Amino acid sequence: GPAVDNVSMDEEAERTMFRLAGIALSIGLVLSWFCLRSFRLVAMVFFAGIYALALSVAIVPLTGNTMNAILMTMPPLVYVAAISAAIHLTNYYRDSAAEHGLVGAAERALRHGALPLGLATATTAIGLVSLCTSELVPIQMFGTFSAIGVVASLLVLCLFLPACFAVWPLPAV
């Protein structure tokens, strides 16, 4: 009956989520390494992405909602968006350190990257919110929570990464 169908759909959605998460994590690590070539920077970027992913998942129950089969695809989306933004911010940091030295490089990188990262986040969030025009509630939830997760990931990046750069500064490559 319907109860058995719902349980089997939930179990398959959970398996799919773990599969997608594994693929997204692997791709994020490989791309981070390809772009940064530093274990320390890759670790910073990776943990920023994981933190953004965890925050986006935590927001769902905090609002009184539950994960559904469609919403299970939101964490990998937020993770990949966060990794992309983190790589950009890290490259701004490296450029700033190379041009002006390590002192204040994190702040300069954040100032330099705030507009492009903010615009990219805003346009992504607007695109995701546009899914709320759907008649299907799971699609509306996906659009809403994905947009919230992408915006929250930018906040994580703007707080977490500059702090990492200040605590563990690296010479410019």
C-alpha atoms as a PDB file:
ATOM      1  CA  GLY A   1       0.000   0.000   0.000  1.00  0.00           C
ATOM      2  CA  PRO A   2       0.903   3.680   0.181  1.00  0.00           C
ATOM      3  CA  ALA A   3       2.845   3.331   3.450  1.00  0.00           C
ATOM      4  CA  VAL A   4       5.117   0.672   1.963  1.00  0.00           C
ATOM      5  CA  ASP A   5       5.554   2.762  -1.182  1.00  0.00           C
ATOM      6  CA  ASN A   6       6.541   5.793   0.889  1.00  0.00           C
ATOM      7  CA  VAL A   7       9.079   3.818   2.907  1.00  0.00           C
ATOM      8  CA  SER A   8      10.643   2.294  -0.201  1.00  0.00           C
ATOM      9  CA  MET A   9      10.808   5.726  -1.879  1.00  0.00           C
ATOM     10  CA  ASP A  10      12.459   7.218   1.213  1.00  0.00           C
ATOM     11  CA  GLU A  11      15.018   4.402   1.353  1.00  0.00           C
ATOM     12  CA  GLU A  12      15.873   4.794  -2.329  1.00  0.00           C
ATOM     13  CA  ALA A  13      16.097   8.579  -1.970  1.00  0.00           C
ATOM     14  CA  GLU A  14      18.518   8.144   0.929  1.00  0.00           C
ATOM     15  CA  ARG A  15      20.692   5.739  -1.088  1.00  0.00           C
ATOM     16  CA  THR A  16      20.650   8.181  -3.991  1.00  0.00           C
ATOM     17  CA  MET A  17      21.603  11.058  -1.696  1.00  0.00           C
ATOM     18  CA  PHE A  18      24.653   9.187  -0.423  1.00  0.00           C
ATOM     19  CA  ARG A  19      25.632   8.293  -3.986  1.00  0.00           C
ATOM     20  CA  LEU A  20      25.265  11.915  -5.120  1.00  0.00           C
ATOM     21  CA  ALA A  21      27.114  13.161  -2.051  1.00  0.00           C
ATOM     22  CA  GLY A  22      30.026  10.823  -2.735  1.00  0.00           C
ATOM     23  CA  ILE A  23      30.254  11.913  -6.349  1.00  0.00           C
ATOM     24  CA  ALA A  24      29.983  15.618  -5.428  1.00  0.00           C
ATOM     25  CA  LEU A  25      32.610  15.293  -2.674  1.00  0.00           C
ATOM     26  CA  SER A  26      35.007  13.536  -5.032  1.00  0.00           C
ATOM     27  CA  ILE A  27      34.524  16.058  -7.821  1.00  0.00           C
ATOM     28  CA  GLY A  28      34.916  18.920  -5.363  1.00  0.00           C
ATOM     29  CA  LEU A  29      38.194  17.544  -4.059  1.00  0.00           C
ATOM     30  CA  VAL A  30      39.599  16.866  -7.521  1.00  0.00           C
ATOM     31  CA  LEU A  31      38.624  20.301  -8.846  1.00  0.00           C
ATOM     32  CA  SER A  32      39.957  21.981  -5.714  1.00  0.00           C
ATOM     33  CA  TRP A  33      43.274  20.224  -6.112  1.00  0.00           C
ATOM     34  CA  PHE A  34      43.423  21.021  -9.825  1.00  0.00           C
ATOM     35  CA  CYS A  35      42.784  24.719  -9.128  1.00  0.00           C
ATOM     36  CA  LEU A  36      44.775  25.219  -5.927  1.00  0.00           C
ATOM     37  CA  ARG A  37      47.575  22.611  -5.762  1.00  0.00           C
ATOM     38  CA  SER A  38      47.940  23.041  -2.004  1.00  0.00           C
ATOM     39  CA  PHE A  39      46.801  20.515   0.592  1.00  0.00           C
ATOM     40  CA  ARG A  40      46.152  23.269   3.123  1.00  0.00           C
ATOM     41  CA  LEU A  41      44.054  25.369   0.729  1.00  0.00           C
ATOM     42  CA  VAL A  42      42.162  22.319  -0.523  1.00  0.00           C
ATOM     43  CA  ALA A  43      41.389  21.366   3.087  1.00  0.00           C
ATOM     44  CA  MET A  44      40.098  24.870   3.814  1.00  0.00           C
ATOM     45  CA  VAL A  45      37.928  24.860   0.693  1.00  0.00           C
ATOM     46  CA  PHE A  46      36.692  21.315   1.361  1.00  0.00           C
ATOM     47  CA  PHE A  47      35.701  22.046   4.965  1.00  0.00           C
ATOM     48  CA  ALA A  48      33.983  25.266   3.902  1.00  0.00           C
ATOM     49  CA  GLY A  49      31.941  23.239   1.395  1.00  0.00           C
ATOM     50  CA  ILE A  50      31.097  20.575   3.963  1.00  0.00           C
ATOM     51  CA  TYR A  51      30.080  23.221   6.487  1.00  0.00           C
ATOM     52  CA  ALA A  52      27.821  24.884   3.896  1.00  0.00           C
ATOM     53  CA  LEU A  53      26.303  21.497   3.027  1.00  0.00           C
ATOM     54  CA  ALA A  54      25.643  20.689   6.698  1.00  0.00           C
ATOM     55  CA  LEU A  55      24.142  24.120   7.316  1.00  0.00           C
ATOM     56  CA  SER A  56      21.800  23.772   4.347  1.00  0.00           C
ATOM     57  CA  VAL A  57      20.601  20.391   5.598  1.00  0.00           C
ATOM     58  CA  ALA A  58      20.168  21.719   9.145  1.00  0.00           C
ATOM     59  CA  ILE A  59      17.954  24.568   7.947  1.00  0.00           C
ATOM     60  CA  VAL A  60      15.251  22.135   6.769  1.00  0.00           C
ATOM     61  CA  PRO A  61      14.248  20.701  10.183  1.00  0.00           C
ATOM     62  CA  LEU A  62      14.827  24.076  11.860  1.00  0.00           C
ATOM     63  CA  THR A  63      11.947  25.429   9.767  1.00  0.00           C
ATOM     64  CA  GLY A  64       9.692  22.528  10.760  1.00  0.00           C
ATOM     65  CA  ASN A  65      10.014  20.688   7.444  1.00  0.00           C
ATOM     66  CA  THR A  66      11.346  17.255   6.579  1.00  0.00           C
ATOM     67  CA  MET A  67      13.572  16.052   3.778  1.00  0.00           C
ATOM     68  CA  ASN A  68      11.826  14.487   0.798  1.00  0.00           C
ATOM     69  CA  ALA A  69      13.079  12.624  -2.250  1.00  0.00           C
ATOM     70  CA  ILE A  70      13.512  15.806  -4.325  1.00  0.00           C
ATOM     71  CA  LEU A  71      15.054  17.797  -1.476  1.00  0.00           C
ATOM     72  CA  MET A  72      17.726  15.095  -1.080  1.00  0.00           C
ATOM     73  CA  THR A  73      19.458  16.558  -4.149  1.00  0.00           C
ATOM     74  CA  MET A  74      19.836  19.971  -2.472  1.00  0.00           C
ATOM     75  CA  PRO A  75      22.946  19.223  -0.309  1.00  0.00           C
ATOM     76  CA  PRO A  76      25.201  18.258  -3.249  1.00  0.00           C
ATOM     77  CA  LEU A  77      24.018  21.351  -5.149  1.00  0.00           C
ATOM     78  CA  VAL A  78      24.886  23.635  -2.226  1.00  0.00           C
ATOM     79  CA  TYR A  79      28.214  21.863  -1.726  1.00  0.00           C
ATOM     80  CA  VAL A  80      29.260  22.283  -5.363  1.00  0.00           C
ATOM     81  CA  ALA A  81      28.220  25.957  -5.370  1.00  0.00           C
ATOM     82  CA  ALA A  82      30.141  26.534  -2.124  1.00  0.00           C
ATOM     83  CA  ILE A  83      33.255  24.786  -3.450  1.00  0.00           C
ATOM     84  CA  SER A  84      33.159  26.911  -6.599  1.00  0.00           C
ATOM     85  CA  ALA A  85      32.841  30.148  -4.629  1.00  0.00           C
ATOM     86  CA  ALA A  86      35.508  29.018  -2.142  1.00  0.00           C
ATOM     87  CA  ILE A  87      37.983  28.339  -4.946  1.00  0.00           C
ATOM     88  CA  HIS A  88      37.344  31.823  -6.348  1.00  0.00           C
ATOM     89  CA  LEU A  89      37.787  33.467  -2.946  1.00  0.00           C
ATOM     90  CA  THR A  90      40.957  31.456  -2.328  1.00  0.00           C
ATOM     91  CA  ASN A  91      42.394  32.595  -5.636  1.00  0.00           C
ATOM     92  CA  TYR A  92      41.578  36.209  -4.742  1.00  0.00           C
ATOM     93  CA  TYR A  93      43.510  35.613  -1.511  1.00  0.00           C
ATOM     94  CA  ARG A  94      46.504  34.196  -3.343  1.00  0.00           C
ATOM     95  CA  ASP A  95      46.515  37.102  -5.800  1.00  0.00           C
ATOM     96  CA  SER A  96      46.235  39.633  -2.987  1.00  0.00           C
ATOM     97  CA  ALA A  97      49.062  37.982  -1.044  1.00  0.00           C
ATOM     98  CA  ALA A  98      51.265  37.955  -4.148  1.00  0.00           C
ATOM     99  CA  GLU A  99      50.615  41.608  -4.976  1.00  0.00           C
ATOM    100  CA  HIS A 100      50.528  43.237  -1.551  1.00  0.00           C
ATOM    101  CA  GLY A 101      51.895  40.690   0.940  1.00  0.00           C
ATOM    102  CA  LEU A 102      50.225  38.464   3.499  1.00  0.00           C
ATOM    103  CA  VAL A 103      49.298  41.202   5.950  1.00  0.00           C
ATOM    104  CA  GLY A 104      45.677  42.064   5.216  1.00  0.00           C
ATOM    105  CA  ALA A 105      45.462  39.645   2.269  1.00  0.00           C
ATOM    106  CA  ALA A 106      42.351  37.926   3.645  1.00  0.00           C
ATOM    107  CA  GLU A 107      40.489  41.228   4.027  1.00  0.00           C
ATOM    108  CA  ARG A 108      41.543  42.418   0.573  1.00  0.00           C
ATOM    109  CA  ALA A 109      40.459  39.103  -0.961  1.00  0.00           C
ATOM    110  CA  LEU A 110      37.064  39.381   0.674  1.00  0.00           C
ATOM    111  CA  ARG A 111      36.629  42.977  -0.511  1.00  0.00           C
ATOM    112  CA  HIS A 112      37.718  42.032  -4.024  1.00  0.00           C
ATOM    113  CA  GLY A 113      35.528  38.938  -4.195  1.00  0.00           C
ATOM    114  CA  ALA A 114      32.417  40.279  -2.445  1.00  0.00           C
ATOM    115  CA  LEU A 115      30.767  41.723  -5.560  1.00  0.00           C
ATOM    116  CA  PRO A 116      31.356  38.844  -8.013  1.00  0.00           C
ATOM    117  CA  LEU A 117      30.551  36.183  -5.414  1.00  0.00           C
ATOM    118  CA  GLY A 118      27.500  38.118  -4.255  1.00  0.00           C
ATOM    119  CA  LEU A 119      26.211  38.534  -7.802  1.00  0.00           C
ATOM    120  CA  ALA A 120      26.782  34.865  -8.623  1.00  0.00           C
ATOM    121  CA  THR A 121      25.001  33.847  -5.425  1.00  0.00           C
ATOM    122  CA  ALA A 122      22.113  36.228  -6.048  1.00  0.00           C
ATOM    123  CA  THR A 123      21.529  35.062  -9.612  1.00  0.00           C
ATOM    124  CA  THR A 124      21.728  31.406  -8.543  1.00  0.00           C
ATOM    125  CA  ALA A 125      19.295  32.023  -5.679  1.00  0.00           C
ATOM    126  CA  ILE A 126      16.885  33.868  -7.972  1.00  0.00           C
ATOM    127  CA  GLY A 127      16.979  30.985 -10.422  1.00  0.00           C
ATOM    128  CA  LEU A 128      16.293  28.509  -7.647  1.00  0.00           C
ATOM    129  CA  VAL A 129      13.485  30.611  -6.156  1.00  0.00           C
ATOM    130  CA  SER A 130      11.861  30.642  -9.595  1.00  0.00           C
ATOM    131  CA  LEU A 131      11.144  26.954  -9.002  1.00  0.00           C
ATOM    132  CA  CYS A 132       8.585  28.100  -6.425  1.00  0.00           C
ATOM    133  CA  THR A 133       6.227  28.854  -9.311  1.00  0.00           C
ATOM    134  CA  SER A 134       5.776  25.102  -9.728  1.00  0.00           C
ATOM    135  CA  GLU A 135       2.512  23.527  -8.661  1.00  0.00           C
ATOM    136  CA  LEU A 136       4.431  20.662  -7.054  1.00  0.00           C
ATOM    137  CA  VAL A 137       5.235  21.200  -3.373  1.00  0.00           C
ATOM    138  CA  PRO A 138       8.472  19.133  -3.417  1.00  0.00           C
ATOM    139  CA  ILE A 139       9.795  21.294  -6.282  1.00  0.00           C
ATOM    140  CA  GLN A 140       8.802  24.452  -4.403  1.00  0.00           C
ATOM    141  CA  MET A 141      10.623  23.172  -1.315  1.00  0.00           C
ATOM    142  CA  PHE A 142      13.689  22.315  -3.382  1.00  0.00           C
ATOM    143  CA  GLY A 143      13.785  25.808  -4.874  1.00  0.00           C
ATOM    144  CA  THR A 144      13.266  27.513  -1.534  1.00  0.00           C
ATOM    145  CA  PHE A 145      15.739  25.502   0.513  1.00  0.00           C
ATOM    146  CA  SER A 146      18.350  25.391  -2.231  1.00  0.00           C
ATOM    147  CA  ALA A 147      18.222  29.181  -2.533  1.00  0.00           C
ATOM    148  CA  ILE A 148      18.492  29.550   1.241  1.00  0.00           C
ATOM    149  CA  GLY A 149      21.372  27.057   1.282  1.00  0.00           C
ATOM    150  CA  VAL A 150      23.279  28.862  -1.471  1.00  0.00           C
ATOM    151  CA  VAL A 151      22.920  32.216   0.318  1.00  0.00           C
ATOM    152  CA  ALA A 152      23.890  30.639   3.656  1.00  0.00           C
ATOM    153  CA  SER A 153      26.954  29.099   2.001  1.00  0.00           C
ATOM    154  CA  LEU A 154      28.118  32.549   0.901  1.00  0.00           C
ATOM    155  CA  LEU A 155      27.862  33.731   4.501  1.00  0.00           C
ATOM    156  CA  VAL A 156      29.871  30.706   5.626  1.00  0.00           C
ATOM    157  CA  LEU A 157      32.538  31.421   3.033  1.00  0.00           C
ATOM    158  CA  CYS A 158      32.778  35.105   3.902  1.00  0.00           C
ATOM    159  CA  LEU A 159      33.282  34.285   7.584  1.00  0.00           C
ATOM    160  CA  PHE A 160      35.113  30.958   7.570  1.00  0.00           C
ATOM    161  CA  LEU A 161      37.647  31.279   4.748  1.00  0.00           C
ATOM    162  CA  PRO A 162      39.067  34.718   5.639  1.00  0.00           C
ATOM    163  CA  ALA A 163      39.457  33.469   9.213  1.00  0.00           C
ATOM    164  CA  CYS A 164      41.360  30.432   7.922  1.00  0.00           C
ATOM    165  CA  PHE A 165      43.544  32.645   5.743  1.00  0.00           C
ATOM    166  CA  ALA A 166      44.337  34.882   8.710  1.00  0.00           C
ATOM    167  CA  VAL A 167      45.089  31.987  11.080  1.00  0.00           C
ATOM    168  CA  TRP A 168      47.002  29.840   8.565  1.00  0.00           C
ATOM    169  CA  PRO A 169      48.478  32.300   6.055  1.00  0.00           C
ATOM    170  CA  LEU A 170      50.192  30.923   3.011  1.00  0.00           C
ATOM    171  CA  PRO A 171      52.827  32.527   0.873  1.00  0.00           C
ATOM    172  CA  ALA A 172      51.569  33.429  -2.593  1.00  0.00           C
ATOM    173  CA  VAL A 173      52.284  30.828  -5.258  1.00  0.00           C
END
